[in-house]
Amino acid sequence: MRLTVIGTGYLGAVHAACMADIGHDVLGVDVDIEKINALAEGRPPFYEPGLDDVLTRALASGRLRFTTSLREAAAHGEVHFICVGTPQQAGSQAADLRYVDAVVDGLAPHLPASCLVVGKSTVPVGTTARLTTRIAGLAPEGVRAEVAWNPEFLREGFAVEDTLRPDRLVAGVTSRQADETLRRVYSPMIEAGVPYLSTDPNTAELVKVAANSFLATKISFINAMAEVCDASGADVVTLADALGYDTRIGRRFLNAGLGFGGGCLPKDIRAFTARAQELGVGQAVAFLDQVDEINKRQRARTVTLARQMVGGDLTGRRVTVLGATFKPNSDDVRDSPALAVAAALHREGADVRVHDPEGTANAQLAHPELRCSSDLLTACKGAEIVLHLTEWGQYGEIDPVKLARVVREPVLVDGRNALPHEEWRAAGWTVKALGRPAPSDRSSASQVREPLRTTIASPASEPDRSSALA
């Protein structure tokens, strides 16, 4: 089929390449000429494992090309996928739909024949109905453009896998023809056994925000338990293990630590609460405000813990932060908890060095006041405390004995509860993590501790099934 994918950011670039890879004739569209030129040359403008190979194959097949022209897109496509961003509005929790509207306004007047317009962006419930009216008023006479919603469920770091082998496909349609069209688009996945759920557009729009809200709630729940564990001397990891054996709960994403971030979960749960309020049912999802607050508080608690570990004052202290991206296997630093903590440490006077396997360039652009290094040992040299804040696999492979020879003081805050603490302690490190009592604390576990308190600036407003999700 002839498809267009409008918006070639994280979602759109992956979708375009993968749709061409399974046999469709795809035209990718974006207003950013530099991004379009890079993709046309086989260079993804962001880091995503496996995308280079899929993009190269798709371009070589002749089934994938790129343009900046919506007029050209209108002439090409039988199906038009909208994959542009829906960031948080400035000064509001609501989603900013200006880019979605701009696609419709630019595409509809040029449509030469009836077609299907399919939204994949995360939007407030009711968007399909609104866009249907908008397109009808802009399309040429006699041209019918039906709107459907097909939400994405991509995890950064696994986006190619999640596109080619998704765990489910959801189609919000208003006609049998639209449903049959989407079944043709995704026929290789459906034939491979991927569940395909056909429903109304409102339900399809809610699926994504409901999924992200549930995931965010699970993450914030275990982080709330970490606060209780810190106050009581209990161990949040053992607690999570015990909860995880309950099949009604499960262990996945029940990992206490620095919390979630990225371009999806934080802004999606805020937009969901804003839309619920518009619908008059804000009280039904009011708990999501507390989920958001718990998540942001983890960043503040991590700063407080680091301050305590260096004697109560960060001024002039050499601090190394391991991780800049909001999650591993990505170079995305949008609303990154790791960077938020690094910036807060800097504001308290610390000399902060940041290491990340893929995200140092983006981190430096976002926070030029920080010193970023692509070499781990260089970043750690002379450190008085090391904070592990993004759970890249290579950090789990660090030799703590070797690293102890590089730092000034072997002090570690494991903000992700992901490192082998006993190995680090055996190598002479003092190790602390949120919700985890130190070995010396266990004998006095019944003693209630003072809660960790500090303040930290909220991140500026801006796809995992993931953690700290996508």
Protein backbone atom coordinates (compact mmCIF):
# COMPACT_ATOMS: atom_id res chain seq x y z
CA MET A 1 0.00 0.00 0.00
CA ARG A 2 0.99 3.64 -0.45
CA LEU A 3 1.52 5.17 2.99
CA THR A 4 2.67 8.54 4.21
CA VAL A 5 4.15 9.07 7.67
CA ILE A 6 3.91 12.71 8.66
CA GLY A 7 6.38 13.66 11.36
CA THR A 8 9.73 11.88 11.39
CA GLY A 9 10.75 12.24 14.98
CA TYR A 10 11.20 9.26 17.25
CA LEU A 11 7.80 7.71 16.45
CA GLY A 12 7.54 8.65 12.80
CA ALA A 13 11.03 7.71 11.66
CA VAL A 14 10.73 4.25 13.18
CA HIS A 15 7.21 3.74 11.82
CA ALA A 16 8.17 4.86 8.31
CA ALA A 17 11.23 2.62 8.11
CA CYS A 18 9.41 -0.41 9.51
CA MET A 19 6.37 -0.01 7.27
CA ALA A 20 8.65 0.11 4.23
CA ASP A 21 10.57 -2.88 5.56
CA ILE A 22 7.41 -5.02 5.58
CA GLY A 23 6.60 -4.08 1.98
CA HIS A 24 4.67 -0.82 1.84
CA ASP A 25 5.54 2.15 -0.39
CA VAL A 26 6.26 4.84 2.19
CA LEU A 27 6.79 8.58 1.98
CA GLY A 28 8.10 10.22 5.16
CA VAL A 29 7.25 13.89 5.67
CA ASP A 30 8.70 16.56 7.95
CA VAL A 31 9.19 20.32 8.00
CA ASP A 32 12.79 19.91 9.21
CA ILE A 33 14.91 19.73 6.05
CA GLU A 34 18.04 18.69 7.95
CA LYS A 35 16.21 15.75 9.51
CA ILE A 36 14.76 14.75 6.15
CA ASN A 37 18.16 14.87 4.46
CA ALA A 38 19.76 12.81 7.23
CA LEU A 39 17.07 10.12 7.02
CA ALA A 40 17.29 10.05 3.22
CA GLU A 41 21.01 9.35 3.62
CA GLY A 42 20.33 6.54 6.09
CA ARG A 43 21.37 8.51 9.19
CA PRO A 44 18.78 8.46 11.99
CA PRO A 45 18.76 11.82 13.83
CA PHE A 46 18.61 10.00 17.20
CA TYR A 47 19.97 6.83 18.75
CA GLU A 48 17.70 3.79 18.60
CA PRO A 49 19.12 0.25 18.50
CA GLY A 50 18.42 -1.51 15.20
CA LEU A 51 16.99 1.49 13.37
CA ASP A 52 20.09 2.01 11.23
CA ASP A 53 19.75 -1.45 9.70
CA VAL A 54 16.01 -1.18 9.03
CA LEU A 55 16.39 2.30 7.56
CA THR A 56 19.23 1.17 5.29
CA ARG A 57 17.22 -1.83 4.03
CA ALA A 58 14.12 0.26 3.43
CA LEU A 59 16.01 2.93 1.47
CA ALA A 60 17.86 0.32 -0.58
CA SER A 61 14.57 -1.37 -1.49
CA GLY A 62 13.26 1.84 -3.04
CA ARG A 63 10.13 1.65 -0.90
CA LEU A 64 11.10 4.53 1.37
CA ARG A 65 11.76 8.15 0.55
CA PHE A 66 11.34 11.49 2.26
CA THR A 67 9.96 14.95 1.51
CA THR A 68 9.00 18.24 3.14
CA SER A 69 5.91 18.66 0.94
CA LEU A 70 2.43 17.91 2.28
CA ARG A 71 1.11 18.44 -1.25
CA GLU A 72 3.35 15.60 -2.42
CA ALA A 73 2.22 13.51 0.54
CA ALA A 74 -1.45 14.08 -0.29
CA ALA A 75 -0.88 12.85 -3.84
CA HIS A 76 1.05 9.79 -2.69
CA GLY A 77 -0.89 8.25 0.15
CA GLU A 78 -3.83 5.91 0.43
CA VAL A 79 -3.24 6.02 4.18
CA HIS A 80 -1.73 9.00 6.00
CA PHE A 81 -0.22 8.40 9.45
CA ILE A 82 0.06 11.41 11.78
CA CYS A 83 3.12 10.94 14.00
CA VAL A 84 3.90 14.45 15.22
CA GLY A 85 4.54 15.42 18.82
CA THR A 86 1.90 16.44 21.34
CA PRO A 87 3.94 18.21 24.04
CA GLN A 88 2.57 19.76 27.19
CA GLN A 89 1.16 23.25 26.74
CA ALA A 90 3.17 26.05 28.29
CA GLY A 91 1.51 27.10 31.53
CA SER A 92 -0.93 24.20 31.48
CA GLN A 93 -1.07 20.45 31.97
CA ALA A 94 -3.05 19.99 28.75
CA ALA A 95 -1.63 18.54 25.53
CA ASP A 96 -0.58 20.99 22.81
CA LEU A 97 -2.22 19.79 19.57
CA ARG A 98 -0.93 22.55 17.30
CA TYR A 99 1.28 20.15 15.34
CA VAL A 100 -1.53 17.65 14.81
CA ASP A 101 -3.80 20.45 13.62
CA ALA A 102 -1.06 21.80 11.34
CA VAL A 103 -0.78 18.42 9.62
CA VAL A 104 -4.52 18.32 8.96
CA ASP A 105 -4.60 21.92 7.78
CA GLY A 106 -1.68 21.37 5.42
CA LEU A 107 -2.76 17.99 4.08
CA ALA A 108 -6.54 18.16 3.66
CA PRO A 109 -6.79 20.88 0.95
CA HIS A 110 -4.49 18.88 -1.36
CA LEU A 111 -6.17 15.47 -1.08
CA PRO A 112 -6.99 14.26 -4.61
CA ALA A 113 -9.19 11.34 -3.57
CA SER A 114 -10.82 9.72 -0.57
CA CYS A 115 -8.34 8.25 1.91
CA LEU A 116 -7.78 7.22 5.50
CA VAL A 117 -6.01 9.54 7.94
CA VAL A 118 -4.65 7.60 10.92
CA GLY A 119 -3.42 9.25 14.07
CA LYS A 120 -0.68 7.56 16.06
CA SER A 121 0.26 10.49 18.30
CA THR A 122 -0.91 10.46 21.92
CA VAL A 123 -3.93 12.77 22.09
CA PRO A 124 -6.83 13.66 24.41
CA VAL A 125 -9.97 11.60 24.02
CA GLY A 126 -12.29 13.19 21.47
CA THR A 127 -9.54 14.26 19.07
CA THR A 128 -10.64 11.95 16.25
CA ALA A 129 -14.13 13.44 16.22
CA ARG A 130 -12.74 16.98 16.22
CA LEU A 131 -10.32 16.27 13.38
CA THR A 132 -13.04 14.57 11.34
CA THR A 133 -14.99 17.83 11.33
CA ARG A 134 -11.85 19.85 10.63
CA ILE A 135 -10.84 17.74 7.62
CA ALA A 136 -14.35 17.73 6.20
CA GLY A 137 -14.28 21.52 6.12
CA LEU A 138 -10.89 21.66 4.39
CA ALA A 139 -10.90 18.79 1.88
CA PRO A 140 -11.89 19.40 -1.75
CA GLU A 141 -15.54 18.83 -2.62
CA GLY A 142 -16.29 15.16 -3.17
CA VAL A 143 -13.22 13.95 -1.25
CA ARG A 144 -13.94 12.00 1.93
CA ALA A 145 -11.08 11.58 4.37
CA GLU A 146 -12.01 9.27 7.22
CA VAL A 147 -10.07 9.63 10.48
CA ALA A 148 -9.03 6.65 12.63
CA TRP A 149 -6.79 6.36 15.68
CA ASN A 150 -4.09 3.72 16.02
CA PRO A 151 -2.06 4.53 19.17
CA GLU A 152 1.61 3.62 19.42
CA PHE A 153 3.05 1.62 22.31
CA LEU A 154 6.76 2.01 21.63
CA ARG A 155 9.47 1.72 24.23
CA GLU A 156 12.54 3.77 23.48
CA GLY A 157 15.40 1.36 23.10
CA PHE A 158 13.03 -1.32 21.76
CA ALA A 159 11.07 0.70 19.20
CA VAL A 160 11.95 -1.36 16.13
CA GLU A 161 11.00 -4.58 17.90
CA ASP A 162 7.79 -3.01 19.21
CA THR A 163 6.82 -1.83 15.71
CA LEU A 164 7.58 -5.05 13.86
CA ARG A 165 6.46 -7.39 16.65
CA PRO A 166 4.03 -5.40 18.83
CA ASP A 167 2.25 -7.01 21.77
CA ARG A 168 -1.08 -5.65 20.45
CA LEU A 169 -2.56 -3.45 17.75
CA VAL A 170 -5.46 -1.14 18.56
CA ALA A 171 -7.59 0.44 15.81
CA GLY A 172 -10.18 3.09 16.61
CA VAL A 173 -12.40 3.21 13.52
CA THR A 174 -15.87 4.33 12.46
CA SER A 175 -16.36 2.10 9.41
CA ARG A 176 -15.69 -1.42 8.21
CA GLN A 177 -13.68 -0.01 5.32
CA ALA A 178 -11.28 1.78 7.67
CA ASP A 179 -10.91 -1.38 9.73
CA GLU A 180 -10.15 -3.48 6.65
CA THR A 181 -7.60 -0.91 5.49
CA LEU A 182 -5.70 -1.02 8.77
CA ARG A 183 -5.82 -4.81 8.74
CA ARG A 184 -4.14 -4.70 5.32
CA VAL A 185 -1.47 -2.28 6.60
CA TYR A 186 -0.63 -4.59 9.51
CA SER A 187 -1.31 -7.93 7.81
CA PRO A 188 2.20 -9.37 8.46
CA MET A 189 1.82 -8.73 12.19
CA ILE A 190 -1.74 -10.03 12.33
CA GLU A 191 -0.77 -13.17 10.42
CA ALA A 192 2.05 -13.69 12.94
CA GLY A 193 -0.51 -13.78 15.74
CA VAL A 194 -0.37 -10.23 17.11
CA PRO A 195 -3.73 -9.43 18.79
CA TYR A 196 -5.72 -6.86 16.79
CA LEU A 197 -8.40 -4.95 18.69
CA SER A 198 -10.94 -3.03 16.61
CA THR A 199 -12.87 -0.45 18.62
CA ASP A 200 -14.27 3.07 18.50
CA PRO A 201 -11.88 6.05 18.29
CA ASN A 202 -12.59 7.30 21.82
CA THR A 203 -11.58 3.97 23.33
CA ALA A 204 -8.47 3.78 21.15
CA GLU A 205 -7.40 7.28 22.22
CA LEU A 206 -7.86 6.34 25.87
CA VAL A 207 -5.87 3.11 25.61
CA LYS A 208 -2.48 4.84 25.37
CA VAL A 209 -3.00 7.38 28.14
CA ALA A 210 -4.60 4.75 30.36
CA ALA A 211 -1.67 2.38 29.81
CA ASN A 212 0.87 5.09 30.60
CA SER A 213 -1.10 6.19 33.65
CA PHE A 214 -1.23 2.63 34.99
CA LEU A 215 2.50 2.17 34.46
CA ALA A 216 3.30 5.51 36.09
CA THR A 217 1.09 4.58 39.04
CA LYS A 218 2.91 1.27 39.52
CA ILE A 219 6.31 2.98 39.46
CA SER A 220 5.24 5.71 41.87
CA PHE A 221 3.62 3.18 44.18
CA ILE A 222 6.86 1.31 44.78
CA ASN A 223 8.69 4.62 45.15
CA ALA A 224 6.18 5.65 47.81
CA MET A 225 6.94 2.35 49.54
CA ALA A 226 10.64 3.26 49.34
CA GLU A 227 9.92 6.37 51.40
CA VAL A 228 8.17 4.24 54.00
CA CYS A 229 11.10 1.81 53.96
CA ASP A 230 13.56 4.66 54.54
CA ALA A 231 11.53 5.81 57.51
CA SER A 232 11.14 2.34 59.02
CA GLY A 233 14.36 0.55 58.11
CA ALA A 234 12.69 -1.93 55.75
CA ASP A 235 14.12 -3.03 52.39
CA VAL A 236 12.11 -1.98 49.34
CA VAL A 237 13.76 -4.51 47.00
CA THR A 238 12.76 -7.46 49.16
CA LEU A 239 9.34 -5.88 49.54
CA ALA A 240 9.00 -5.61 45.73
CA ASP A 241 10.14 -9.21 45.29
CA ALA A 242 7.49 -10.40 47.73
CA LEU A 243 4.79 -8.32 46.03
CA GLY A 244 5.90 -9.51 42.62
CA TYR A 245 5.13 -13.16 43.39
CA ASP A 246 1.47 -12.16 43.54
CA THR A 247 0.25 -12.83 39.99
CA ARG A 248 -2.27 -10.01 40.33
CA ILE A 249 0.60 -7.56 40.75
CA GLY A 250 3.70 -8.93 39.00
CA ARG A 251 7.31 -7.86 39.41
CA ARG A 252 7.88 -5.89 36.18
CA PHE A 253 8.35 -2.14 36.67
CA LEU A 254 8.09 -2.58 40.43
CA ASN A 255 11.60 -1.17 40.83
CA ALA A 256 12.13 1.61 43.35
CA GLY A 257 14.54 4.36 42.44
CA LEU A 258 14.79 7.71 40.74
CA GLY A 259 11.46 7.38 38.93
CA PHE A 260 10.21 7.88 35.39
CA GLY A 261 10.82 10.62 32.87
CA GLY A 262 11.09 11.05 29.13
CA GLY A 263 8.85 12.62 26.55
CA CYS A 264 5.79 10.45 27.24
CA LEU A 265 4.82 9.37 30.75
CA PRO A 266 5.08 12.70 32.60
CA LYS A 267 3.30 14.83 30.02
CA ASP A 268 0.76 12.12 29.17
CA ILE A 269 -0.54 11.68 32.70
CA ARG A 270 -0.78 15.47 33.06
CA ALA A 271 -2.69 15.78 29.78
CA PHE A 272 -5.00 12.94 30.88
CA THR A 273 -5.90 14.75 34.10
CA ALA A 274 -6.46 17.99 32.19
CA ARG A 275 -8.80 16.30 29.71
CA ALA A 276 -10.68 14.51 32.48
CA GLN A 277 -11.27 17.86 34.13
CA GLU A 278 -12.62 19.26 30.85
CA LEU A 279 -15.03 16.31 30.69
CA GLY A 280 -16.17 16.97 34.24
CA VAL A 281 -14.64 13.80 35.70
CA GLY A 282 -11.39 15.18 37.04
CA GLN A 283 -11.98 13.60 40.43
CA ALA A 284 -11.82 10.13 38.84
CA VAL A 285 -8.15 10.57 37.97
CA ALA A 286 -7.12 13.01 40.71
CA PHE A 287 -4.80 10.34 42.10
CA LEU A 288 -2.54 10.92 39.08
CA ASP A 289 -1.53 14.29 40.54
CA GLN A 290 -0.09 12.43 43.52
CA VAL A 291 1.56 9.90 41.20
CA ASP A 292 3.28 12.83 39.48
CA GLU A 293 4.32 14.40 42.80
CA ILE A 294 5.76 11.14 44.15
CA ASN A 295 7.77 10.78 40.98
CA LYS A 296 9.20 14.29 41.15
CA ARG A 297 9.93 13.86 44.87
CA GLN A 298 12.28 10.95 44.11
CA ARG A 299 14.60 13.38 42.39
CA ALA A 300 14.65 15.63 45.43
CA ARG A 301 15.21 12.68 47.75
CA THR A 302 18.18 11.57 45.66
CA VAL A 303 19.77 15.00 45.96
CA THR A 304 19.22 14.96 49.71
CA LEU A 305 20.78 11.51 50.00
CA ALA A 306 23.85 12.63 48.04
CA ARG A 307 24.20 15.68 50.27
CA GLN A 308 24.00 13.54 53.39
CA MET A 309 26.60 11.13 52.02
CA VAL A 310 29.18 13.92 51.67
CA GLY A 311 28.59 15.40 55.11
CA GLY A 312 25.72 17.80 54.52
CA ASP A 313 27.22 20.31 52.08
CA LEU A 314 27.76 19.84 48.34
CA THR A 315 29.64 23.08 47.80
CA GLY A 316 32.85 22.40 45.89
CA ARG A 317 32.43 18.63 46.05
CA ARG A 318 33.43 16.64 42.97
CA VAL A 319 30.37 14.60 41.94
CA THR A 320 30.09 12.11 39.08
CA VAL A 321 26.69 11.24 37.66
CA LEU A 322 26.46 8.01 35.69
CA GLY A 323 23.70 8.48 33.16
CA ALA A 324 22.16 11.47 31.40
CA THR A 325 19.33 9.94 29.37
CA PHE A 326 15.94 9.27 30.91
CA LYS A 327 16.41 5.54 30.29
CA PRO A 328 19.08 3.26 28.80
CA ASN A 329 19.42 2.43 25.09
CA SER A 330 18.42 5.95 24.07
CA ASP A 331 19.99 9.37 23.64
CA ASP A 332 16.79 11.09 24.77
CA VAL A 333 17.28 13.52 27.65
CA ARG A 334 13.76 15.02 27.70
CA ASP A 335 12.59 15.29 31.31
CA SER A 336 15.48 13.07 32.34
CA PRO A 337 15.50 12.35 36.09
CA ALA A 338 19.27 11.83 35.92
CA LEU A 339 19.87 15.25 34.36
CA ALA A 340 17.42 16.91 36.74
CA VAL A 341 19.43 15.57 39.67
CA ALA A 342 22.75 16.53 38.07
CA ALA A 343 21.50 20.09 37.51
CA ALA A 344 20.22 20.30 41.10
CA LEU A 345 23.61 19.16 42.43
CA HIS A 346 25.27 21.85 40.33
CA ARG A 347 22.94 24.49 41.72
CA GLU A 348 24.02 23.48 45.21
CA GLY A 349 27.61 24.22 44.31
CA ALA A 350 28.88 20.77 43.37
CA ASP A 351 31.45 20.24 40.62
CA VAL A 352 29.39 17.83 38.53
CA ARG A 353 30.75 15.49 35.85
CA VAL A 354 28.22 13.52 33.76
CA HIS A 355 28.86 10.33 31.82
CA ASP A 356 26.47 8.61 29.41
CA PRO A 357 27.15 6.07 26.64
CA GLU A 358 24.95 7.87 24.08
CA GLY A 359 23.45 11.00 25.57
CA THR A 360 26.34 13.33 26.39
CA ALA A 361 25.84 15.57 23.34
CA ASN A 362 22.16 16.10 24.07
CA ALA A 363 22.89 16.52 27.77
CA GLN A 364 25.44 19.22 27.04
CA LEU A 365 22.95 21.07 24.84
CA ALA A 366 20.26 20.86 27.53
CA HIS A 367 22.58 21.77 30.39
CA PRO A 368 25.71 23.56 29.17
CA GLU A 369 26.66 24.30 32.78
CA LEU A 370 27.45 20.61 33.33
CA ARG A 371 30.69 18.91 32.35
CA CYS A 372 29.92 15.87 30.21
CA SER A 373 32.32 13.11 29.25
CA SER A 374 32.03 10.08 27.00
CA ASP A 375 34.84 8.33 28.90
CA LEU A 376 33.78 6.69 32.14
CA LEU A 377 37.10 6.77 33.98
CA THR A 378 37.71 10.38 33.03
CA ALA A 379 34.30 11.35 34.35
CA CYS A 380 34.97 9.55 37.65
CA LYS A 381 38.49 10.79 38.25
CA GLY A 382 38.75 12.49 41.62
CA ALA A 383 35.06 12.05 42.44
CA GLU A 384 34.03 12.29 46.09
CA ILE A 385 30.72 10.61 45.35
CA VAL A 386 29.34 8.70 42.34
CA LEU A 387 25.62 8.62 41.56
CA HIS A 388 24.26 5.84 39.35
CA LEU A 389 21.14 7.39 37.80
CA THR A 390 20.46 5.67 34.44
CA GLU A 391 20.62 1.88 34.37
CA TRP A 392 22.78 1.35 31.28
CA GLY A 393 23.97 -2.25 31.06
CA GLN A 394 27.62 -1.25 31.00
CA TYR A 395 27.32 0.31 34.46
CA GLY A 396 26.41 -3.09 35.82
CA GLU A 397 29.70 -4.38 34.43
CA ILE A 398 31.89 -1.78 36.15
CA ASP A 399 34.74 -3.24 38.19
CA PRO A 400 34.31 -1.46 41.54
CA VAL A 401 37.90 -2.31 42.55
CA LYS A 402 39.29 -0.59 39.47
CA LEU A 403 36.98 2.38 39.85
CA ALA A 404 37.96 2.80 43.51
CA ARG A 405 41.50 3.55 42.36
CA VAL A 406 40.24 6.47 40.24
CA VAL A 407 37.87 8.26 42.62
CA ARG A 408 38.91 10.31 45.63
CA GLU A 409 36.30 8.76 47.92
CA PRO A 410 34.59 5.39 47.16
CA VAL A 411 31.03 6.55 47.88
CA LEU A 412 28.10 5.38 45.71
CA VAL A 413 24.45 6.35 45.54
CA ASP A 414 22.62 3.79 43.42
CA GLY A 415 19.62 5.77 42.23
CA ARG A 416 18.25 2.79 40.32
CA ASN A 417 18.81 -0.02 42.82
CA ALA A 418 20.41 -1.91 39.94
CA LEU A 419 24.06 -2.45 40.90
CA PRO A 420 25.39 -5.42 42.92
CA HIS A 421 25.75 -3.61 46.23
CA GLU A 422 27.58 -6.38 48.05
CA GLU A 423 30.28 -6.52 45.38
CA TRP A 424 30.78 -2.76 45.66
CA ARG A 425 30.90 -2.88 49.45
CA ALA A 426 33.41 -5.74 49.27
CA ALA A 427 35.57 -3.47 47.12
CA GLY A 428 35.56 -0.83 49.85
CA TRP A 429 32.66 1.35 48.70
CA THR A 430 30.07 2.97 50.93
CA VAL A 431 26.78 2.28 49.14
CA LYS A 432 23.34 3.75 49.70
CA ALA A 433 20.08 3.66 47.75
CA LEU A 434 16.55 4.90 48.34
CA GLY A 435 14.51 2.38 50.29
CA ARG A 436 17.53 0.22 51.15
CA PRO A 437 18.98 0.11 54.65
CA ALA A 438 22.75 -0.11 54.85
CA PRO A 439 24.05 -3.28 56.53
CA SER A 440 24.76 -1.34 59.73
CA ASP A 441 21.16 -0.11 59.74
CA ARG A 442 19.53 -3.53 59.74
CA SER A 443 20.13 -4.14 63.43
CA SER A 444 18.17 -0.99 64.24
CA ALA A 445 15.49 -1.47 61.60
CA SER A 446 12.73 -0.73 64.06
CA GLN A 447 14.01 2.80 64.69
CA VAL A 448 12.10 5.44 62.72
CA ARG A 449 14.34 7.74 60.70
CA GLU A 450 13.87 11.34 59.76
CA PRO A 451 12.40 11.64 56.24
CA LEU A 452 14.60 12.95 53.45
CA ARG A 453 13.56 16.43 52.39
CA THR A 454 14.81 18.94 49.85
CA THR A 455 13.54 21.00 46.96
CA ILE A 456 14.29 20.64 43.31
CA ALA A 457 13.12 22.65 40.34
CA SER A 458 10.43 21.00 38.23
CA PRO A 459 11.53 20.15 34.68
CA ALA A 460 10.42 22.38 31.85
CA SER A 461 7.31 21.18 30.03
CA GLU A 462 7.76 19.59 26.77
CA PRO A 463 7.30 6.55 23.70
CA ASP A 464 7.93 1.85 27.68
CA ARG A 465 5.32 0.18 27.65
CA SER A 466 8.46 0.89 29.35
CA SER A 467 9.96 2.21 32.30
CA ALA A 468 10.57 5.46 32.91
CA LEU A 469 8.49 4.72 29.18
CA ALA A 470 7.68 5.03 27.11
